[in-house]
């Protein structure tokens, strides 16, 4: 529905992106741009790939910011106050922020009702390639997700330390994945989670019609690297 590539100084505010295939909003190699107060929904797999059994290999999602060309840097992004719902594979991908600093680039977003493809994550957050310090530590915070078939918030990128806080996840298979893989378990790496809220089950049913729409999941609160 929207493809931004090799661009700068875009300001996308207060729009509805509804009913696309593969990717709803995709930005790649973009800088100093903002995406605020938007709704992205009803993004479905490409039918041609489903027919030949290759849909799970496709790159799909609701609002994907600089993940399809990662690790090409996209400095100066601001992604705030958006909702992404009813999309395949993942709702949002976007950059982390500096450790122990206020989140000013990717916050106050909500993902819900995400499934399909090979996952069903609300947020996939990666260390910002434009910031060398993120190889030492990066931070994920201040977003919320519910009704995700996989993790509400997930990160799994090489760094010595990852910090995650101030997130809320409800009714999802995994609350959060807080991983800092080093490639070698003997090298220094650590995961830190704090000041967050996880609800394994709420009054909103996973099975509105138990005979036709029911999906039972074994749920976990937090998954970390070792």
C-alpha atoms as a PDB file:
ATOM      1  CA  UNK A   1       0.000   0.000   0.000  1.00  0.00           C
ATOM      2  CA  UNK A   2       2.931   2.342   0.697  1.00  0.00           C
ATOM      3  CA  UNK A   3       6.500   1.805  -0.398  1.00  0.00           C
ATOM      4  CA  UNK A   4       9.148   4.326   0.643  1.00  0.00           C
ATOM      5  CA  UNK A   5      12.698   3.772  -0.596  1.00  0.00           C
ATOM      6  CA  UNK A   6      15.849   5.902  -0.671  1.00  0.00           C
ATOM      7  CA  UNK A   7      13.916   8.893   0.636  1.00  0.00           C
ATOM      8  CA  UNK A   8      14.234  11.607   3.268  1.00  0.00           C
ATOM      9  CA  UNK A   9      12.040  14.106   5.100  1.00  0.00           C
ATOM     10  CA  UNK A  10       8.774  12.217   4.728  1.00  0.00           C
ATOM     11  CA  UNK A  11       5.988  12.960   7.203  1.00  0.00           C
ATOM     12  CA  UNK A  12       3.116  10.452   7.137  1.00  0.00           C
ATOM     13  CA  UNK A  13       0.427  11.378   9.669  1.00  0.00           C
ATOM     14  CA  UNK A  14      -3.180  10.371  10.394  1.00  0.00           C
ATOM     15  CA  UNK A  15      -3.876   7.890   7.598  1.00  0.00           C
ATOM     16  CA  UNK A  16      -5.549   4.494   7.199  1.00  0.00           C
ATOM     17  CA  UNK A  17      -3.771   1.768   5.202  1.00  0.00           C
ATOM     18  CA  UNK A  18      -6.197  -1.126   4.755  1.00  0.00           C
ATOM     19  CA  UNK A  19      -6.310  -4.335   2.768  1.00  0.00           C
ATOM     20  CA  UNK A  20      -2.934  -5.044   1.179  1.00  0.00           C
ATOM     21  CA  UNK A  21      -0.975  -8.147   0.209  1.00  0.00           C
ATOM     22  CA  UNK A  22       2.433  -9.042   1.659  1.00  0.00           C
ATOM     23  CA  UNK A  23       3.378  -5.653   3.174  1.00  0.00           C
ATOM     24  CA  UNK A  24       1.151  -2.787   4.266  1.00  0.00           C
ATOM     25  CA  UNK A  25       3.771  -0.063   4.726  1.00  0.00           C
ATOM     26  CA  UNK A  26       7.409  -0.659   3.845  1.00  0.00           C
ATOM     27  CA  UNK A  27      10.211   1.873   4.237  1.00  0.00           C
ATOM     28  CA  UNK A  28      13.787   1.043   3.279  1.00  0.00           C
ATOM     29  CA  UNK A  29      16.916   3.197   3.146  1.00  0.00           C
ATOM     30  CA  UNK A  30      14.862   6.114   4.483  1.00  0.00           C
ATOM     31  CA  UNK A  31      16.137   8.853   6.792  1.00  0.00           C
ATOM     32  CA  UNK A  32      14.831  11.774   8.912  1.00  0.00           C
ATOM     33  CA  UNK A  33      11.201  10.763   8.398  1.00  0.00           C
ATOM     34  CA  UNK A  34       8.175  10.235  10.644  1.00  0.00           C
ATOM     35  CA  UNK A  35       5.195   7.869  10.693  1.00  0.00           C
ATOM     36  CA  UNK A  36       2.698   8.952  13.334  1.00  0.00           C
ATOM     37  CA  UNK A  37      -0.990   8.442  14.226  1.00  0.00           C
ATOM     38  CA  UNK A  38      -1.694   5.936  11.441  1.00  0.00           C
ATOM     39  CA  UNK A  39      -3.696   2.700  11.240  1.00  0.00           C
ATOM     40  CA  UNK A  40      -2.477  -0.301   9.223  1.00  0.00           C
ATOM     41  CA  UNK A  41      -4.738  -3.325   8.897  1.00  0.00           C
ATOM     42  CA  UNK A  42      -5.854  -6.418   6.954  1.00  0.00           C
ATOM     43  CA  UNK A  43      -2.515  -7.301   5.351  1.00  0.00           C
ATOM     44  CA  UNK A  44      -2.721 -10.828   3.925  1.00  0.00           C
ATOM     45  CA  UNK A  45      -0.265 -13.267   2.305  1.00  0.00           C
ATOM     46  CA  UNK A  46       0.172 -13.347  -1.424  1.00  0.00           C
ATOM     47  CA  UNK A  47      -2.206 -15.992  -2.756  1.00  0.00           C
ATOM     48  CA  UNK A  48       0.169 -17.195  -5.461  1.00  0.00           C
ATOM     49  CA  UNK A  49       2.747 -18.238  -2.858  1.00  0.00           C
ATOM     50  CA  UNK A  50       0.126 -19.906  -0.662  1.00  0.00           C
ATOM     51  CA  UNK A  51      -0.935 -22.066  -3.597  1.00  0.00           C
ATOM     52  CA  UNK A  52       2.552 -23.546  -4.040  1.00  0.00           C
ATOM     53  CA  UNK A  53       3.274 -23.887  -0.334  1.00  0.00           C
ATOM     54  CA  UNK A  54       5.896 -21.127  -0.093  1.00  0.00           C
ATOM     55  CA  UNK A  55       3.973 -18.484   1.874  1.00  0.00           C
ATOM     56  CA  UNK A  56       6.003 -19.037   5.040  1.00  0.00           C
ATOM     57  CA  UNK A  57       9.212 -18.100   3.163  1.00  0.00           C
ATOM     58  CA  UNK A  58       7.891 -14.699   2.093  1.00  0.00           C
ATOM     59  CA  UNK A  59       8.778 -11.464   3.891  1.00  0.00           C
ATOM     60  CA  UNK A  60       5.477 -10.080   5.102  1.00  0.00           C
ATOM     61  CA  UNK A  61       4.079  -7.702   7.690  1.00  0.00           C
ATOM     62  CA  UNK A  62       2.054  -4.650   8.527  1.00  0.00           C
ATOM     63  CA  UNK A  63       4.455  -1.710   8.925  1.00  0.00           C
ATOM     64  CA  UNK A  64       8.084  -2.644   8.237  1.00  0.00           C
ATOM     65  CA  UNK A  65      10.657   0.071   8.772  1.00  0.00           C
ATOM     66  CA  UNK A  66      14.101  -0.568   7.267  1.00  0.00           C
ATOM     67  CA  UNK A  67      14.065  -4.284   8.072  1.00  0.00           C
ATOM     68  CA  UNK A  68      13.969  -5.535   4.475  1.00  0.00           C
ATOM     69  CA  UNK A  69      17.329  -3.853   3.744  1.00  0.00           C
ATOM     70  CA  UNK A  70      18.823  -4.349   7.228  1.00  0.00           C
ATOM     71  CA  UNK A  71      21.604  -3.576   8.142  1.00  0.00           C
ATOM     72  CA  UNK A  72      21.504  -0.570   5.817  1.00  0.00           C
ATOM     73  CA  UNK A  73      21.148   2.420   8.184  1.00  0.00           C
ATOM     74  CA  UNK A  74      18.001   4.529   8.396  1.00  0.00           C
ATOM     75  CA  UNK A  75      18.889   7.369  10.781  1.00  0.00           C
ATOM     76  CA  UNK A  76      16.349   9.789  12.187  1.00  0.00           C
ATOM     77  CA  UNK A  77      13.146   7.728  12.086  1.00  0.00           C
ATOM     78  CA  UNK A  78      10.215   8.560  14.379  1.00  0.00           C
ATOM     79  CA  UNK A  79       7.402   5.968  14.594  1.00  0.00           C
ATOM     80  CA  UNK A  80       4.774   6.863  17.198  1.00  0.00           C
ATOM     81  CA  UNK A  81       1.100   6.486  18.140  1.00  0.00           C
ATOM     82  CA  UNK A  82       0.216   3.979  15.399  1.00  0.00           C
ATOM     83  CA  UNK A  83      -2.019   0.888  15.431  1.00  0.00           C
ATOM     84  CA  UNK A  84      -1.382  -2.197  13.345  1.00  0.00           C
ATOM     85  CA  UNK A  85      -4.021  -4.951  13.409  1.00  0.00           C
ATOM     86  CA  UNK A  86      -5.019  -8.064  11.534  1.00  0.00           C
ATOM     87  CA  UNK A  87      -1.775  -8.446   9.617  1.00  0.00           C
ATOM     88  CA  UNK A  88       0.281 -11.470   8.674  1.00  0.00           C
ATOM     89  CA  UNK A  89       3.603 -12.479  10.258  1.00  0.00           C
ATOM     90  CA  UNK A  90       4.459  -9.282  12.166  1.00  0.00           C
ATOM     91  CA  UNK A  91       2.834  -5.952  12.840  1.00  0.00           C
ATOM     92  CA  UNK A  92       5.833  -3.626  13.207  1.00  0.00           C
ATOM     93  CA  UNK A  93       9.565  -3.777  12.664  1.00  0.00           C
ATOM     94  CA  UNK A  94      11.651  -0.810  13.755  1.00  0.00           C
ATOM     95  CA  UNK A  95      14.846   0.420  15.430  1.00  0.00           C
ATOM     96  CA  UNK A  96      15.754   0.276  19.102  1.00  0.00           C
ATOM     97  CA  UNK A  97      16.985   3.285  21.047  1.00  0.00           C
ATOM     98  CA  UNK A  98      20.069   4.044  23.119  1.00  0.00           C
ATOM     99  CA  UNK A  99      20.429   2.331  26.482  1.00  0.00           C
ATOM    100  CA  UNK A 100      19.387   4.333  29.522  1.00  0.00           C
ATOM    101  CA  UNK A 101      18.067   7.150  27.317  1.00  0.00           C
ATOM    102  CA  UNK A 102      14.491   8.257  26.642  1.00  0.00           C
ATOM    103  CA  UNK A 103      12.810   6.530  23.722  1.00  0.00           C
ATOM    104  CA  UNK A 104      12.169   9.254  21.148  1.00  0.00           C
ATOM    105  CA  UNK A 105      11.981   7.199  17.945  1.00  0.00           C
ATOM    106  CA  UNK A 106       9.692   4.129  18.306  1.00  0.00           C
ATOM    107  CA  UNK A 107       7.031   4.308  21.031  1.00  0.00           C
ATOM    108  CA  UNK A 108       3.312   4.395  21.932  1.00  0.00           C
ATOM    109  CA  UNK A 109       2.386   1.959  19.162  1.00  0.00           C
ATOM    110  CA  UNK A 110      -0.117  -0.902  19.504  1.00  0.00           C
ATOM    111  CA  UNK A 111      -0.145  -4.227  17.641  1.00  0.00           C
ATOM    112  CA  UNK A 112      -2.961  -6.753  17.820  1.00  0.00           C
ATOM    113  CA  UNK A 113      -4.420  -9.800  16.104  1.00  0.00           C
ATOM    114  CA  UNK A 114      -1.216 -10.858  14.336  1.00  0.00           C
ATOM    115  CA  UNK A 115      -0.680 -14.369  12.927  1.00  0.00           C
ATOM    116  CA  UNK A 116       0.376 -16.333   9.870  1.00  0.00           C
ATOM    117  CA  UNK A 117       3.569 -16.728   7.900  1.00  0.00           C
ATOM    118  CA  UNK A 118       6.275 -18.298  10.056  1.00  0.00           C
ATOM    119  CA  UNK A 119       5.552 -16.264  13.195  1.00  0.00           C
ATOM    120  CA  UNK A 120       2.948 -13.765  14.378  1.00  0.00           C
ATOM    121  CA  UNK A 121       4.916 -11.136  16.319  1.00  0.00           C
ATOM    122  CA  UNK A 122       3.590  -7.769  17.383  1.00  0.00           C
ATOM    123  CA  UNK A 123       6.968  -5.995  17.271  1.00  0.00           C
ATOM    124  CA  UNK A 124      10.395  -7.005  16.015  1.00  0.00           C
ATOM    125  CA  UNK A 125      12.904  -4.442  17.216  1.00  0.00           C
ATOM    126  CA  UNK A 126      16.502  -4.365  15.976  1.00  0.00           C
ATOM    127  CA  UNK A 127      19.628  -2.429  17.020  1.00  0.00           C
ATOM    128  CA  UNK A 128      19.969   0.744  14.978  1.00  0.00           C
ATOM    129  CA  UNK A 129      22.729   0.176  12.370  1.00  0.00           C
ATOM    130  CA  UNK A 130      23.450   3.911  12.325  1.00  0.00           C
ATOM    131  CA  UNK A 131      24.544   3.736  15.991  1.00  0.00           C
ATOM    132  CA  UNK A 132      27.751   1.757  16.634  1.00  0.00           C
ATOM    133  CA  UNK A 133      27.053   1.846  20.384  1.00  0.00           C
ATOM    134  CA  UNK A 134      24.174  -0.600  19.857  1.00  0.00           C
ATOM    135  CA  UNK A 135      26.742  -3.364  19.388  1.00  0.00           C
ATOM    136  CA  UNK A 136      27.401  -2.890  23.101  1.00  0.00           C
ATOM    137  CA  UNK A 137      23.849  -2.187  24.299  1.00  0.00           C
ATOM    138  CA  UNK A 138      20.455  -1.307  22.862  1.00  0.00           C
ATOM    139  CA  UNK A 139      17.048  -0.755  24.456  1.00  0.00           C
ATOM    140  CA  UNK A 140      13.436  -1.631  23.586  1.00  0.00           C
ATOM    141  CA  UNK A 141      10.527   0.111  25.335  1.00  0.00           C
ATOM    142  CA  UNK A 142       7.097   1.738  25.416  1.00  0.00           C
ATOM    143  CA  UNK A 143       4.966  -0.302  23.024  1.00  0.00           C
ATOM    144  CA  UNK A 144       1.998  -2.648  23.579  1.00  0.00           C
ATOM    145  CA  UNK A 145       0.575  -5.753  21.919  1.00  0.00           C
ATOM    146  CA  UNK A 146      -2.263  -8.232  22.321  1.00  0.00           C
ATOM    147  CA  UNK A 147      -3.624 -11.310  20.564  1.00  0.00           C
ATOM    148  CA  UNK A 148      -0.352 -12.233  18.836  1.00  0.00           C
ATOM    149  CA  UNK A 149       0.227 -15.825  17.727  1.00  0.00           C
ATOM    150  CA  UNK A 150       3.909 -15.566  18.662  1.00  0.00           C
ATOM    151  CA  UNK A 151       5.604 -12.845  20.770  1.00  0.00           C
ATOM    152  CA  UNK A 152       4.115  -9.487  21.605  1.00  0.00           C
ATOM    153  CA  UNK A 153       7.578  -7.879  21.454  1.00  0.00           C
ATOM    154  CA  UNK A 154      10.668  -9.658  20.172  1.00  0.00           C
ATOM    155  CA  UNK A 155      14.345  -8.900  19.645  1.00  0.00           C
ATOM    156  CA  UNK A 156      17.155 -11.314  18.793  1.00  0.00           C
ATOM    157  CA  UNK A 157      20.149  -9.446  17.379  1.00  0.00           C
ATOM    158  CA  UNK A 158      23.846  -9.562  18.305  1.00  0.00           C
ATOM    159  CA  UNK A 159      24.835  -7.218  21.122  1.00  0.00           C
ATOM    160  CA  UNK A 160      26.541  -7.559  24.475  1.00  0.00           C
ATOM    161  CA  UNK A 161      23.460  -6.298  26.295  1.00  0.00           C
ATOM    162  CA  UNK A 162      19.784  -5.762  25.486  1.00  0.00           C
ATOM    163  CA  UNK A 163      17.354  -3.945  27.801  1.00  0.00           C
ATOM    164  CA  UNK A 164      13.564  -4.076  27.536  1.00  0.00           C
ATOM    165  CA  UNK A 165      11.088  -2.213  29.731  1.00  0.00           C
ATOM    166  CA  UNK A 166       7.740  -0.411  29.861  1.00  0.00           C
ATOM    167  CA  UNK A 167       5.906  -2.767  27.529  1.00  0.00           C
ATOM    168  CA  UNK A 168       2.485  -4.372  27.944  1.00  0.00           C
ATOM    169  CA  UNK A 169       1.462  -7.643  26.311  1.00  0.00           C
ATOM    170  CA  UNK A 170      -1.880  -9.453  26.624  1.00  0.00           C
ATOM    171  CA  UNK A 171      -3.238 -12.773  25.357  1.00  0.00           C
ATOM    172  CA  UNK A 172      -0.195 -13.698  23.257  1.00  0.00           C
ATOM    173  CA  UNK A 173       1.715 -16.954  22.885  1.00  0.00           C
ATOM    174  CA  UNK A 174       4.888 -15.314  24.255  1.00  0.00           C
ATOM    175  CA  UNK A 175       4.930 -12.059  26.158  1.00  0.00           C
ATOM    176  CA  UNK A 176       8.404 -10.923  25.084  1.00  0.00           C
ATOM    177  CA  UNK A 177      11.557 -12.352  23.578  1.00  0.00           C
ATOM    178  CA  UNK A 178      14.573 -10.549  25.041  1.00  0.00           C
ATOM    179  CA  UNK A 179      17.601 -12.081  23.353  1.00  0.00           C
ATOM    180  CA  UNK A 180      21.181 -10.928  22.937  1.00  0.00           C
ATOM    181  CA  UNK A 181      22.884 -13.689  20.970  1.00  0.00           C
ATOM    182  CA  UNK A 182      26.655 -13.447  20.875  1.00  0.00           C
ATOM    183  CA  UNK A 183      27.264 -16.335  18.502  1.00  0.00           C
ATOM    184  CA  UNK A 184      29.352 -17.899  21.264  1.00  0.00           C
ATOM    185  CA  UNK A 185      27.888 -18.667  24.668  1.00  0.00           C
ATOM    186  CA  UNK A 186      31.283 -18.024  26.262  1.00  0.00           C
ATOM    187  CA  UNK A 187      31.294 -14.376  25.173  1.00  0.00           C
ATOM    188  CA  UNK A 188      29.732 -11.653  27.288  1.00  0.00           C
ATOM    189  CA  UNK A 189      26.026 -11.099  26.680  1.00  0.00           C
ATOM    190  CA  UNK A 190      23.023 -10.360  28.889  1.00  0.00           C
ATOM    191  CA  UNK A 191      19.290  -9.699  28.672  1.00  0.00           C
ATOM    192  CA  UNK A 192      17.429  -7.369  31.053  1.00  0.00           C
ATOM    193  CA  UNK A 193      13.653  -7.036  31.423  1.00  0.00           C
ATOM    194  CA  UNK A 194      11.951  -4.699  33.893  1.00  0.00           C
ATOM    195  CA  UNK A 195       8.883  -2.518  34.559  1.00  0.00           C
ATOM    196  CA  UNK A 196       6.640  -4.396  32.126  1.00  0.00           C
ATOM    197  CA  UNK A 197       3.233  -6.100  32.383  1.00  0.00           C
ATOM    198  CA  UNK A 198       2.143  -9.436  30.880  1.00  0.00           C
ATOM    199  CA  UNK A 199      -1.369 -10.889  30.967  1.00  0.00           C
ATOM    200  CA  UNK A 200      -1.576 -14.533  29.886  1.00  0.00           C
ATOM    201  CA  UNK A 201      -5.374 -14.472  29.723  1.00  0.00           C
ATOM    202  CA  UNK A 202      -7.946 -11.690  29.848  1.00  0.00           C
ATOM    203  CA  UNK A 203     -11.730 -11.483  29.624  1.00  0.00           C
ATOM    204  CA  UNK A 204     -11.427 -11.066  25.855  1.00  0.00           C
ATOM    205  CA  UNK A 205     -11.765 -14.672  24.617  1.00  0.00           C
ATOM    206  CA  UNK A 206      -9.304 -16.374  22.296  1.00  0.00           C
ATOM    207  CA  UNK A 207     -12.211 -18.512  21.106  1.00  0.00           C
ATOM    208  CA  UNK A 208     -15.337 -16.446  20.288  1.00  0.00           C
ATOM    209  CA  UNK A 209     -16.803 -19.592  18.717  1.00  0.00           C
ATOM    210  CA  UNK A 210     -15.232 -22.630  20.395  1.00  0.00           C
ATOM    211  CA  UNK A 211     -16.344 -24.970  17.603  1.00  0.00           C
ATOM    212  CA  UNK A 212     -15.006 -22.913  14.687  1.00  0.00           C
ATOM    213  CA  UNK A 213     -12.540 -20.245  15.838  1.00  0.00           C
ATOM    214  CA  UNK A 214     -10.598 -21.778  18.690  1.00  0.00           C
ATOM    215  CA  UNK A 215      -6.816 -21.770  18.992  1.00  0.00           C
ATOM    216  CA  UNK A 216      -5.318 -23.089  22.215  1.00  0.00           C
ATOM    217  CA  UNK A 217      -1.709 -22.085  22.874  1.00  0.00           C
ATOM    218  CA  UNK A 218       0.835 -22.996  25.501  1.00  0.00           C
ATOM    219  CA  UNK A 219       1.950 -19.551  26.654  1.00  0.00           C
ATOM    220  CA  UNK A 220       5.190 -18.161  28.047  1.00  0.00           C
ATOM    221  CA  UNK A 221       5.835 -14.816  29.689  1.00  0.00           C
ATOM    222  CA  UNK A 222       9.479 -14.090  28.810  1.00  0.00           C
ATOM    223  CA  UNK A 223      12.021 -15.849  26.601  1.00  0.00           C
ATOM    224  CA  UNK A 224      15.706 -14.887  26.937  1.00  0.00           C
ATOM    225  CA  UNK A 225      19.037 -15.953  25.496  1.00  0.00           C
ATOM    226  CA  UNK A 226      21.480 -18.057  27.505  1.00  0.00           C
END
